[in-house]
PDB file of N, CA and C in Angstrom:
ATOM      1  N   MET A   1     116.492 116.864  34.615  1.00  0.00           N
ATOM      2  CA  MET A   1     117.813 116.961  35.373  1.00  0.00           C
ATOM      3  C   MET A   1     118.742 118.504  33.966  1.00  0.00           C
ATOM      4  N   LYS A   2     118.662 120.252  34.864  1.00  0.00           N
ATOM      5  CA  LYS A   2     118.903 120.425  34.086  1.00  0.00           C
ATOM      6  C   LYS A   2     120.624 120.832  33.241  1.00  0.00           C
ATOM      7  N   ARG A   3     121.229 120.655  32.668  1.00  0.00           N
ATOM      8  CA  ARG A   3     122.721 120.372  32.136  1.00  0.00           C
ATOM      9  C   ARG A   3     122.862 121.956  32.406  1.00  0.00           C
ATOM     10  N   LEU A   4     123.945 121.733  33.276  1.00  0.00           N
ATOM     11  CA  LEU A   4     125.081 123.477  33.795  1.00  0.00           C
ATOM     12  C   LEU A   4     125.912 123.939  31.995  1.00  0.00           C
ATOM     13  N   SER A   5     125.723 125.057  31.744  1.00  0.00           N
ATOM     14  CA  SER A   5     126.681 124.772  29.891  1.00  0.00           C
ATOM     15  C   SER A   5     127.504 126.133  29.884  1.00  0.00           C
ATOM     16  N   GLY A   6     127.962 126.784  29.776  1.00  0.00           N
ATOM     17  CA  GLY A   6     128.694 127.906  29.682  1.00  0.00           C
ATOM     18  C   GLY A   6     129.721 128.384  30.391  1.00  0.00           C
ATOM     19  N   SER A   7     129.623 129.603  30.757  1.00  0.00           N
ATOM     20  CA  SER A   7     129.535 130.022  31.933  1.00  0.00           C
ATOM     21  C   SER A   7     129.034 129.965  33.267  1.00  0.00           C
ATOM     22  N   SER A   8     128.042 129.091  33.083  1.00  0.00           N
ATOM     23  CA  SER A   8     127.336 128.665  34.670  1.00  0.00           C
ATOM     24  C   SER A   8     128.169 127.358  34.767  1.00  0.00           C
ATOM     25  N   GLY A   9     128.387 126.989  33.774  1.00  0.00           N
ATOM     26  CA  GLY A   9     129.143 125.437  34.404  1.00  0.00           C
ATOM     27  C   GLY A   9     130.745 126.102  34.707  1.00  0.00           C
ATOM     28  N   ALA A  10     130.920 127.353  34.370  1.00  0.00           N
ATOM     29  CA  ALA A  10     132.435 127.249  34.901  1.00  0.00           C
ATOM     30  C   ALA A  10     132.817 127.550  35.715  1.00  0.00           C
ATOM     31  N   VAL A  11     130.856 128.793  36.445  1.00  0.00           N
ATOM     32  CA  VAL A  11     131.073 129.460  37.236  1.00  0.00           C
ATOM     33  C   VAL A  11     130.556 128.181  38.925  1.00  0.00           C
ATOM     34  N   PHE A  12     129.970 127.185  38.591  1.00  0.00           N
ATOM     35  CA  PHE A  12     130.215 125.860  39.498  1.00  0.00           C
ATOM     36  C   PHE A  12     131.063 124.986  39.875  1.00  0.00           C
ATOM     37  N   LEU A  13     132.331 124.599  38.447  1.00  0.00           N
ATOM     38  CA  LEU A  13     133.389 124.055  39.103  1.00  0.00           C
ATOM     39  C   LEU A  13     134.412 125.139  39.827  1.00  0.00           C
ATOM     40  N   PHE A  14     133.809 126.018  39.076  1.00  0.00           N
ATOM     41  CA  PHE A  14     135.685 127.178  40.191  1.00  0.00           C
ATOM     42  C   PHE A  14     134.717 127.443  41.865  1.00  0.00           C
ATOM     43  N   VAL A  15     133.714 127.624  42.132  1.00  0.00           N
ATOM     44  CA  VAL A  15     132.883 127.260  43.211  1.00  0.00           C
ATOM     45  C   VAL A  15     133.448 126.028  44.229  1.00  0.00           C
ATOM     46  N   ALA A  16     133.006 124.852  43.461  1.00  0.00           N
ATOM     47  CA  ALA A  16     132.976 123.694  43.698  1.00  0.00           C
ATOM     48  C   ALA A  16     134.837 123.267  44.337  1.00  0.00           C
ATOM     49  N   MET A  17     135.574 123.541  43.199  1.00  0.00           N
ATOM     50  CA  MET A  17     137.416 123.088  43.258  1.00  0.00           C
ATOM     51  C   MET A  17     137.494 124.286  44.991  1.00  0.00           C
ATOM     52  N   SER A  18     136.796 125.390  44.405  1.00  0.00           N
ATOM     53  CA  SER A  18     137.253 126.461  46.168  1.00  0.00           C
ATOM     54  C   SER A  18     136.739 125.372  47.142  1.00  0.00           C
ATOM     55  N   VAL A  19     135.924 125.145  46.773  1.00  0.00           N
ATOM     56  CA  VAL A  19     135.093 124.400  48.926  1.00  0.00           C
ATOM     57  C   VAL A  19     136.338 123.473  48.765  1.00  0.00           C
ATOM     58  N   PHE A  20     136.481 122.465  47.593  1.00  0.00           N
ATOM     59  CA  PHE A  20     137.289 121.558  48.152  1.00  0.00           C
ATOM     60  C   PHE A  20     138.656 122.004  48.827  1.00  0.00           C
ATOM     61  N   ALA A  21     139.149 122.645  47.790  1.00  0.00           N
ATOM     62  CA  ALA A  21     140.660 123.517  48.270  1.00  0.00           C
ATOM     63  C   ALA A  21     140.190 123.741  49.320  1.00  0.00           C
ATOM     64  N   SER A  22     139.705 124.822  50.129  1.00  0.00           N
ATOM     65  CA  SER A  22     139.133 125.060  51.519  1.00  0.00           C
ATOM     66  C   SER A  22     139.328 124.082  52.554  1.00  0.00           C
ATOM     67  N   THR A  23     138.502 123.129  51.542  1.00  0.00           N
ATOM     68  CA  THR A  23     138.480 122.220  52.715  1.00  0.00           C
ATOM     69  C   THR A  23     139.392 120.995  53.139  1.00  0.00           C
ATOM     70  N   LEU A  24     140.558 120.934  52.164  1.00  0.00           N
ATOM     71  CA  LEU A  24     141.402 120.647  52.041  1.00  0.00           C
ATOM     72  C   LEU A  24     142.833 120.888  52.723  1.00  0.00           C
ATOM     73  N   GLU A  25     142.401 122.308  52.423  1.00  0.00           N
ATOM     74  CA  GLU A  25     143.583 123.424  53.642  1.00  0.00           C
ATOM     75  C   GLU A  25     143.021 123.026  54.938  1.00  0.00           C
ATOM     76  N   ALA A  26     141.818 123.253  55.268  1.00  0.00           N
ATOM     77  CA  ALA A  26     141.770 123.256  56.663  1.00  0.00           C
ATOM     78  C   ALA A  26     142.079 122.186  57.258  1.00  0.00           C
ATOM     79  N   SER A  27     141.531 120.820  56.848  1.00  0.00           N
ATOM     80  CA  SER A  27     142.037 119.153  57.185  1.00  0.00           C
ATOM     81  C   SER A  27     143.158 119.558  57.229  1.00  0.00           C
ATOM     82  N   GLU A  28     144.221 120.246  56.630  1.00  0.00           N
ATOM     83  CA  GLU A  28     145.557 120.075  56.204  1.00  0.00           C
ATOM     84  C   GLU A  28     145.892 121.148  57.599  1.00  0.00           C
ATOM     85  N   GLN A  29     145.697 122.193  58.001  1.00  0.00           N
ATOM     86  CA  GLN A  29     145.657 123.074  59.336  1.00  0.00           C
ATOM     87  C   GLN A  29     145.635 121.983  60.548  1.00  0.00           C
ATOM     88  N   LEU A  30     144.237 121.705  60.643  1.00  0.00           N
ATOM     89  CA  LEU A  30     143.047 121.009  62.240  1.00  0.00           C
ATOM     90  C   LEU A  30     144.696 120.001  61.990  1.00  0.00           C
ATOM     91  N   MET A  31     145.437 119.596  61.321  1.00  0.00           N
ATOM     92  CA  MET A  31     146.156 118.125  60.967  1.00  0.00           C
ATOM     93  C   MET A  31     148.142 118.120  61.367  1.00  0.00           C
ATOM     94  N   GLU A  32     147.776 119.909  61.407  1.00  0.00           N
ATOM     95  CA  GLU A  32     150.017 119.968  61.393  1.00  0.00           C
ATOM     96  C   GLU A  32     148.838 120.692  62.794  1.00  0.00           C
ATOM     97  N   LYS A  33     148.410 121.575  63.332  1.00  0.00           N
ATOM     98  CA  LYS A  33     147.801 122.066  64.479  1.00  0.00           C
ATOM     99  C   LYS A  33     148.138 120.915  65.604  1.00  0.00           C
ATOM    100  N   SER A  34     147.576 119.609  64.807  1.00  0.00           N
ATOM    101  CA  SER A  34     147.263 118.831  66.094  1.00  0.00           C
ATOM    102  C   SER A  34     148.317 117.742  66.673  1.00  0.00           C
ATOM    103  N   GLY A  35     148.452 117.919  65.749  1.00  0.00           N
ATOM    104  CA  GLY A  35     150.117 116.926  65.423  1.00  0.00           C
ATOM    105  C   GLY A  35     149.669 115.473  65.193  1.00  0.00           C
ATOM    106  N   CYS A  36     149.105 115.515  63.683  1.00  0.00           N
ATOM    107  CA  CYS A  36     148.958 114.314  63.038  1.00  0.00           C
ATOM    108  C   CYS A  36     150.193 113.995  62.095  1.00  0.00           C
ATOM    109  N   ILE A  37     150.587 115.150  61.710  1.00  0.00           N
ATOM    110  CA  ILE A  37     151.425 114.731  60.754  1.00  0.00           C
ATOM    111  C   ILE A  37     152.756 114.567  61.507  1.00  0.00           C
ATOM    112  N   ALA A  38     153.055 114.600  62.669  1.00  0.00           N
ATOM    113  CA  ALA A  38     154.376 114.106  63.380  1.00  0.00           C
ATOM    114  C   ALA A  38     154.555 112.244  62.771  1.00  0.00           C
ATOM    115  N   CYS A  39     153.220 112.203  62.754  1.00  0.00           N
ATOM    116  CA  CYS A  39     153.450 110.393  62.638  1.00  0.00           C
ATOM    117  C   CYS A  39     152.662 109.779  61.294  1.00  0.00           C
ATOM    118  N   HIS A  40     151.711 110.609  60.425  1.00  0.00           N
ATOM    119  CA  HIS A  40     151.133 110.736  59.247  1.00  0.00           C
ATOM    120  C   HIS A  40     151.891 111.302  57.835  1.00  0.00           C
ATOM    121  N   ARG A  41     151.480 111.251  57.084  1.00  0.00           N
ATOM    122  CA  ARG A  41     151.550 111.741  55.312  1.00  0.00           C
ATOM    123  C   ARG A  41     149.779 111.564  54.665  1.00  0.00           C
ATOM    124  N   VAL A  42     149.668 112.281  53.386  1.00  0.00           N
ATOM    125  CA  VAL A  42     148.375 111.608  52.846  1.00  0.00           C
ATOM    126  C   VAL A  42     148.896 110.707  52.377  1.00  0.00           C
ATOM    127  N   ASP A  43     150.064 110.446  51.715  1.00  0.00           N
ATOM    128  CA  ASP A  43     149.704 109.777  50.155  1.00  0.00           C
ATOM    129  C   ASP A  43     151.370 108.458  50.866  1.00  0.00           C
ATOM    130  N   GLN A  44     151.329 109.106  52.005  1.00  0.00           N
ATOM    131  CA  GLN A  44     152.339 107.491  52.017  1.00  0.00           C
ATOM    132  C   GLN A  44     152.497 107.446  53.747  1.00  0.00           C
ATOM    133  N   LYS A  45     153.454 105.949  53.856  1.00  0.00           N
ATOM    134  CA  LYS A  45     153.334 105.523  55.280  1.00  0.00           C
ATOM    135  C   LYS A  45     154.524 106.755  56.227  1.00  0.00           C
ATOM    136  N   LEU A  46     154.610 106.870  57.048  1.00  0.00           N
ATOM    137  CA  LEU A  46     155.671 107.598  57.749  1.00  0.00           C
ATOM    138  C   LEU A  46     155.705 106.704  59.077  1.00  0.00           C
ATOM    139  N   LEU A  47     155.749 107.056  59.969  1.00  0.00           N
ATOM    140  CA  LEU A  47     155.064 105.942  60.965  1.00  0.00           C
ATOM    141  C   LEU A  47     153.808 105.468  61.194  1.00  0.00           C
ATOM    142  N   GLY A  48     152.743 105.754  60.537  1.00  0.00           N
ATOM    143  CA  GLY A  48     151.495 105.647  60.982  1.00  0.00           C
ATOM    144  C   GLY A  48     151.475 105.480  59.515  1.00  0.00           C
ATOM    145  N   PRO A  49     150.425 105.182  59.506  1.00  0.00           N
ATOM    146  CA  PRO A  49     149.845 104.879  57.886  1.00  0.00           C
ATOM    147  C   PRO A  49     149.183 106.321  57.153  1.00  0.00           C
ATOM    148  N   GLY A  50     149.642 106.425  55.314  1.00  0.00           N
ATOM    149  CA  GLY A  50     149.445 107.373  54.871  1.00  0.00           C
ATOM    150  C   GLY A  50     147.171 107.440  54.962  1.00  0.00           C
ATOM    151  N   PHE A  51     146.921 108.699  54.659  1.00  0.00           N
ATOM    152  CA  PHE A  51     145.704 109.104  55.034  1.00  0.00           C
ATOM    153  C   PHE A  51     145.027 108.257  54.489  1.00  0.00           C
ATOM    154  N   LYS A  52     145.347 108.044  52.734  1.00  0.00           N
ATOM    155  CA  LYS A  52     144.701 107.181  51.620  1.00  0.00           C
ATOM    156  C   LYS A  52     144.420 105.677  51.600  1.00  0.00           C
ATOM    157  N   GLN A  53     145.540 105.534  52.683  1.00  0.00           N
ATOM    158  CA  GLN A  53     145.645 104.353  53.263  1.00  0.00           C
ATOM    159  C   GLN A  53     144.756 103.905  54.480  1.00  0.00           C
ATOM    160  N   VAL A  54     144.586 104.847  55.184  1.00  0.00           N
ATOM    161  CA  VAL A  54     143.408 104.656  56.081  1.00  0.00           C
ATOM    162  C   VAL A  54     141.954 104.749  54.913  1.00  0.00           C
ATOM    163  N   ALA A  55     141.376 106.042  54.408  1.00  0.00           N
ATOM    164  CA  ALA A  55     140.455 105.657  53.859  1.00  0.00           C
ATOM    165  C   ALA A  55     140.647 104.533  52.896  1.00  0.00           C
ATOM    166  N   ALA A  56     141.177 104.025  52.164  1.00  0.00           N
ATOM    167  CA  ALA A  56     141.315 102.442  51.464  1.00  0.00           C
ATOM    168  C   ALA A  56     140.869 101.157  52.366  1.00  0.00           C
ATOM    169  N   GLN A  57     141.347 101.472  53.472  1.00  0.00           N
ATOM    170  CA  GLN A  57     141.111 100.343  54.515  1.00  0.00           C
ATOM    171  C   GLN A  57     139.577 100.359  54.431  1.00  0.00           C
ATOM    172  N   TYR A  58     138.993 101.586  55.413  1.00  0.00           N
ATOM    173  CA  TYR A  58     137.743 101.567  55.607  1.00  0.00           C
ATOM    174  C   TYR A  58     136.688 102.021  54.702  1.00  0.00           C
ATOM    175  N   LYS A  59     137.090 101.937  53.400  1.00  0.00           N
ATOM    176  CA  LYS A  59     136.443 103.240  52.790  1.00  0.00           C
ATOM    177  C   LYS A  59     134.303 102.394  52.819  1.00  0.00           C
ATOM    178  N   ASP A  60     134.846 100.920  53.316  1.00  0.00           N
ATOM    179  CA  ASP A  60     133.069 100.245  52.683  1.00  0.00           C
ATOM    180  C   ASP A  60     132.492  99.775  53.976  1.00  0.00           C
ATOM    181  N   THR A  61     133.487 100.266  54.836  1.00  0.00           N
ATOM    182  CA  THR A  61     133.085  99.819  56.019  1.00  0.00           C
ATOM    183  C   THR A  61     132.817 100.511  56.985  1.00  0.00           C
ATOM    184  N   GLU A  62     131.124 100.110  57.265  1.00  0.00           N
ATOM    185  CA  GLU A  62     130.016 100.765  58.333  1.00  0.00           C
ATOM    186  C   GLU A  62     130.800 100.866  59.823  1.00  0.00           C
ATOM    187  N   GLY A  63     130.362 102.394  60.265  1.00  0.00           N
ATOM    188  CA  GLY A  63     130.610 102.544  61.121  1.00  0.00           C
ATOM    189  C   GLY A  63     132.512 103.070  61.570  1.00  0.00           C
ATOM    190  N   ALA A  64     132.868 103.042  60.299  1.00  0.00           N
ATOM    191  CA  ALA A  64     134.445 103.649  59.801  1.00  0.00           C
ATOM    192  C   ALA A  64     134.917 105.144  60.809  1.00  0.00           C
ATOM    193  N   ALA A  65     134.131 105.775  60.950  1.00  0.00           N
ATOM    194  CA  ALA A  65     134.149 107.086  61.166  1.00  0.00           C
ATOM    195  C   ALA A  65     134.469 106.901  63.003  1.00  0.00           C
ATOM    196  N   GLU A  66     133.130 106.504  63.469  1.00  0.00           N
ATOM    197  CA  GLU A  66     132.829 106.573  65.294  1.00  0.00           C
ATOM    198  C   GLU A  66     134.548 105.065  65.828  1.00  0.00           C
ATOM    199  N   TYR A  67     134.751 104.615  64.640  1.00  0.00           N
ATOM    200  CA  TYR A  67     136.242 103.219  65.086  1.00  0.00           C
ATOM    201  C   TYR A  67     137.269 104.596  65.580  1.00  0.00           C
ATOM    202  N   LEU A  68     137.502 104.813  63.635  1.00  0.00           N
ATOM    203  CA  LEU A  68     138.600 105.906  64.292  1.00  0.00           C
ATOM    204  C   LEU A  68     138.733 107.267  65.737  1.00  0.00           C
ATOM    205  N   PHE A  69     137.758 107.639  65.193  1.00  0.00           N
ATOM    206  CA  PHE A  69     137.460 108.393  66.095  1.00  0.00           C
ATOM    207  C   PHE A  69     137.797 108.331  67.794  1.00  0.00           C
ATOM    208  N   GLN A  70     137.133 106.359  68.032  1.00  0.00           N
ATOM    209  CA  GLN A  70     137.680 105.645  69.164  1.00  0.00           C
ATOM    210  C   GLN A  70     139.202 105.597  68.592  1.00  0.00           C
ATOM    211  N   LYS A  71     139.894 104.642  67.821  1.00  0.00           N
ATOM    212  CA  LYS A  71     141.406 105.009  67.904  1.00  0.00           C
ATOM    213  C   LYS A  71     141.794 105.856  68.423  1.00  0.00           C
ATOM    214  N   VAL A  72     141.585 107.497  67.734  1.00  0.00           N
ATOM    215  CA  VAL A  72     142.424 108.195  67.771  1.00  0.00           C
ATOM    216  C   VAL A  72     142.213 108.514  69.073  1.00  0.00           C
ATOM    217  N   ARG A  73     141.671 108.409  69.867  1.00  0.00           N
ATOM    218  CA  ARG A  73     141.270 109.322  71.261  1.00  0.00           C
ATOM    219  C   ARG A  73     141.781 108.205  72.402  1.00  0.00           C
ATOM    220  N   GLU A  74     141.681 106.195  71.771  1.00  0.00           N
ATOM    221  CA  GLU A  74     142.092 105.729  72.527  1.00  0.00           C
ATOM    222  C   GLU A  74     143.843 105.119  72.794  1.00  0.00           C
ATOM    223  N   GLY A  75     143.817 105.445  71.305  1.00  0.00           N
ATOM    224  CA  GLY A  75     145.177 104.466  70.435  1.00  0.00           C
ATOM    225  C   GLY A  75     145.204 103.209  70.347  1.00  0.00           C
ATOM    226  N   GLY A  76     146.409 102.328  69.993  1.00  0.00           N
ATOM    227  CA  GLY A  76     146.390 101.017  69.672  1.00  0.00           C
ATOM    228  C   GLY A  76     147.241 100.937  68.871  1.00  0.00           C
ATOM    229  N   GLU A  77     147.299  99.599  68.951  1.00  0.00           N
ATOM    230  CA  GLU A  77     148.447  98.845  68.416  1.00  0.00           C
ATOM    231  C   GLU A  77     148.630  97.835  68.112  1.00  0.00           C
ATOM    232  N   GLY A  78     149.248  97.832  66.374  1.00  0.00           N
ATOM    233  CA  GLY A  78     148.846  95.987  66.198  1.00  0.00           C
ATOM    234  C   GLY A  78     148.068  96.462  64.879  1.00  0.00           C
ATOM    235  N   VAL A  79     147.743  97.437  64.229  1.00  0.00           N
ATOM    236  CA  VAL A  79     146.569  97.491  63.311  1.00  0.00           C
ATOM    237  C   VAL A  79     147.477  97.822  62.019  1.00  0.00           C
ATOM    238  N   TRP A  80     148.494  98.740  62.065  1.00  0.00           N
ATOM    239  CA  TRP A  80     149.258  98.679  60.910  1.00  0.00           C
ATOM    240  C   TRP A  80     150.683  98.732  60.936  1.00  0.00           C
ATOM    241  N   GLY A  81     151.081  97.726  61.902  1.00  0.00           N
ATOM    242  CA  GLY A  81     152.484  97.482  62.439  1.00  0.00           C
ATOM    243  C   GLY A  81     152.718  97.481  63.818  1.00  0.00           C
ATOM    244  N   ASP A  82     153.546  97.277  64.136  1.00  0.00           N
ATOM    245  CA  ASP A  82     155.088  97.441  65.178  1.00  0.00           C
ATOM    246  C   ASP A  82     154.554  98.534  65.970  1.00  0.00           C
ATOM    247  N   ILE A  83     154.536  99.656  65.494  1.00  0.00           N
ATOM    248  CA  ILE A  83     154.377 100.946  66.613  1.00  0.00           C
ATOM    249  C   ILE A  83     153.170 101.829  66.668  1.00  0.00           C
ATOM    250  N   PRO A  84     152.746 101.575  68.288  1.00  0.00           N
ATOM    251  CA  PRO A  84     151.812 102.114  68.343  1.00  0.00           C
ATOM    252  C   PRO A  84     151.397 103.039  68.407  1.00  0.00           C
ATOM    253  N   MET A  85     150.138 103.560  68.375  1.00  0.00           N
ATOM    254  CA  MET A  85     149.475 105.118  68.179  1.00  0.00           C
ATOM    255  C   MET A  85     149.036 105.091  69.251  1.00  0.00           C
ATOM    256  N   GLN A  86     150.126 106.655  70.174  1.00  0.00           N
ATOM    257  CA  GLN A  86     149.704 107.667  71.434  1.00  0.00           C
ATOM    258  C   GLN A  86     148.120 107.555  71.593  1.00  0.00           C
ATOM    259  N   PRO A  87     147.786 107.326  72.684  1.00  0.00           N
ATOM    260  CA  PRO A  87     145.997 108.200  72.448  1.00  0.00           C
ATOM    261  C   PRO A  87     146.336 109.744  72.510  1.00  0.00           C
ATOM    262  N   ASN A  88     145.026 110.476  71.950  1.00  0.00           N
ATOM    263  CA  ASN A  88     144.854 111.859  71.452  1.00  0.00           C
ATOM    264  C   ASN A  88     143.949 112.442  72.128  1.00  0.00           C
ATOM    265  N   GLY A  89     143.565 113.548  73.264  1.00  0.00           N
ATOM    266  CA  GLY A  89     142.723 113.742  73.615  1.00  0.00           C
ATOM    267  C   GLY A  89     142.514 114.884  73.165  1.00  0.00           C
ATOM    268  N   PRO A  90     141.326 115.528  73.324  1.00  0.00           N
ATOM    269  CA  PRO A  90     140.615 116.694  73.361  1.00  0.00           C
ATOM    270  C   PRO A  90     140.951 117.560  73.752  1.00  0.00           C
ATOM    271  N   ASN A  91     142.334 117.577  74.467  1.00  0.00           N
ATOM    272  CA  ASN A  91     143.091 118.677  74.833  1.00  0.00           C
ATOM    273  C   ASN A  91     144.233 119.201  73.600  1.00  0.00           C
ATOM    274  N   LYS A  92     144.836 117.870  72.449  1.00  0.00           N
ATOM    275  CA  LYS A  92     145.424 117.986  71.523  1.00  0.00           C
ATOM    276  C   LYS A  92     144.013 118.304  70.215  1.00  0.00           C
ATOM    277  N   ILE A  93     142.833 117.617  69.966  1.00  0.00           N
ATOM    278  CA  ILE A  93     142.057 117.952  69.202  1.00  0.00           C
ATOM    279  C   ILE A  93     140.596 117.774  69.436  1.00  0.00           C
ATOM    280  N   SER A  94     139.797 118.838  69.226  1.00  0.00           N
ATOM    281  CA  SER A  94     138.470 119.254  69.818  1.00  0.00           C
ATOM    282  C   SER A  94     137.557 117.734  69.556  1.00  0.00           C
ATOM    283  N   ASP A  95     136.885 117.208  69.214  1.00  0.00           N
ATOM    284  CA  ASP A  95     136.221 116.730  68.987  1.00  0.00           C
ATOM    285  C   ASP A  95     135.270 116.790  67.467  1.00  0.00           C
ATOM    286  N   GLU A  96     134.623 118.204  67.465  1.00  0.00           N
ATOM    287  CA  GLU A  96     134.881 118.868  66.407  1.00  0.00           C
ATOM    288  C   GLU A  96     134.997 118.771  64.761  1.00  0.00           C
ATOM    289  N   ASN A  97     136.876 119.364  65.680  1.00  0.00           N
ATOM    290  CA  ASN A  97     137.910 119.078  64.574  1.00  0.00           C
ATOM    291  C   ASN A  97     138.327 117.784  64.397  1.00  0.00           C
ATOM    292  N   LEU A  98     138.429 116.549  65.101  1.00  0.00           N
ATOM    293  CA  LEU A  98     138.378 115.161  65.559  1.00  0.00           C
ATOM    294  C   LEU A  98     137.620 114.481  63.697  1.00  0.00           C
ATOM    295  N   ASN A  99     136.552 115.357  64.629  1.00  0.00           N
ATOM    296  CA  ASN A  99     135.726 114.516  63.334  1.00  0.00           C
ATOM    297  C   ASN A  99     135.462 115.477  61.919  1.00  0.00           C
ATOM    298  N   ILE A 100     135.769 116.537  61.994  1.00  0.00           N
ATOM    299  CA  ILE A 100     136.335 117.294  60.245  1.00  0.00           C
ATOM    300  C   ILE A 100     137.101 116.640  59.655  1.00  0.00           C
ATOM    301  N   VAL A 101     138.509 115.768  60.508  1.00  0.00           N
ATOM    302  CA  VAL A 101     139.400 115.160  59.784  1.00  0.00           C
ATOM    303  C   VAL A 101     139.257 113.757  59.726  1.00  0.00           C
ATOM    304  N   ILE A 102     138.526 113.370  59.870  1.00  0.00           N
ATOM    305  CA  ILE A 102     138.249 112.058  59.963  1.00  0.00           C
ATOM    306  C   ILE A 102     137.510 112.107  58.829  1.00  0.00           C
ATOM    307  N   ALA A 103     136.287 112.817  58.292  1.00  0.00           N
ATOM    308  CA  ALA A 103     135.726 112.513  57.265  1.00  0.00           C
ATOM    309  C   ALA A 103     135.962 112.965  56.295  1.00  0.00           C
ATOM    310  N   TRP A 104     137.237 113.628  56.410  1.00  0.00           N
ATOM    311  CA  TRP A 104     138.131 114.518  54.912  1.00  0.00           C
ATOM    312  C   TRP A 104     139.308 113.460  54.881  1.00  0.00           C
ATOM    313  N   ILE A 105     139.556 112.279  55.745  1.00  0.00           N
ATOM    314  CA  ILE A 105     140.574 111.355  55.485  1.00  0.00           C
ATOM    315  C   ILE A 105     139.599 109.989  54.677  1.00  0.00           C
ATOM    316  N   LEU A 106     138.439 110.206  55.799  1.00  0.00           N
ATOM    317  CA  LEU A 106     137.499 108.519  54.767  1.00  0.00           C
ATOM    318  C   LEU A 106     137.073 109.345  53.409  1.00  0.00           C
ATOM    319  N   SER A 107     136.884 110.898  52.514  1.00  0.00           N
ATOM    320  CA  SER A 107     136.776 111.237  51.604  1.00  0.00           C
ATOM    321  C   SER A 107     138.017 110.766  50.755  1.00  0.00           C
ATOM    322  N   LEU A 108     139.065 110.384  51.093  1.00  0.00           N
ATOM    323  CA  LEU A 108     140.349 110.396  50.109  1.00  0.00           C
ATOM    324  C   LEU A 108     140.195 109.052  48.964  1.00  0.00           C
TER     325      LEU A 108
END
């Protein structure tokens, strides 16, 4: 494997950081547009769990993305406390955008 050095390494790092920042910004914009941030934050519990808590809970769980997709669509209660999560249909967040947000959450 060839090692990057000097300006090549710096350019790669800059591009990687830019992609990450764009993904973070896009995911945050999707969450804001879809209303997720009314109940959730990244680093802390609000009404629902923080997204980092969700990521830690499902980190090594097979099928986590599919489970979370269904949880968002159907809602539910009792997993993170007494406050139920309301169902969020495709009229609030499209399947494509929901998959993007879930992938981002699980990457935290």
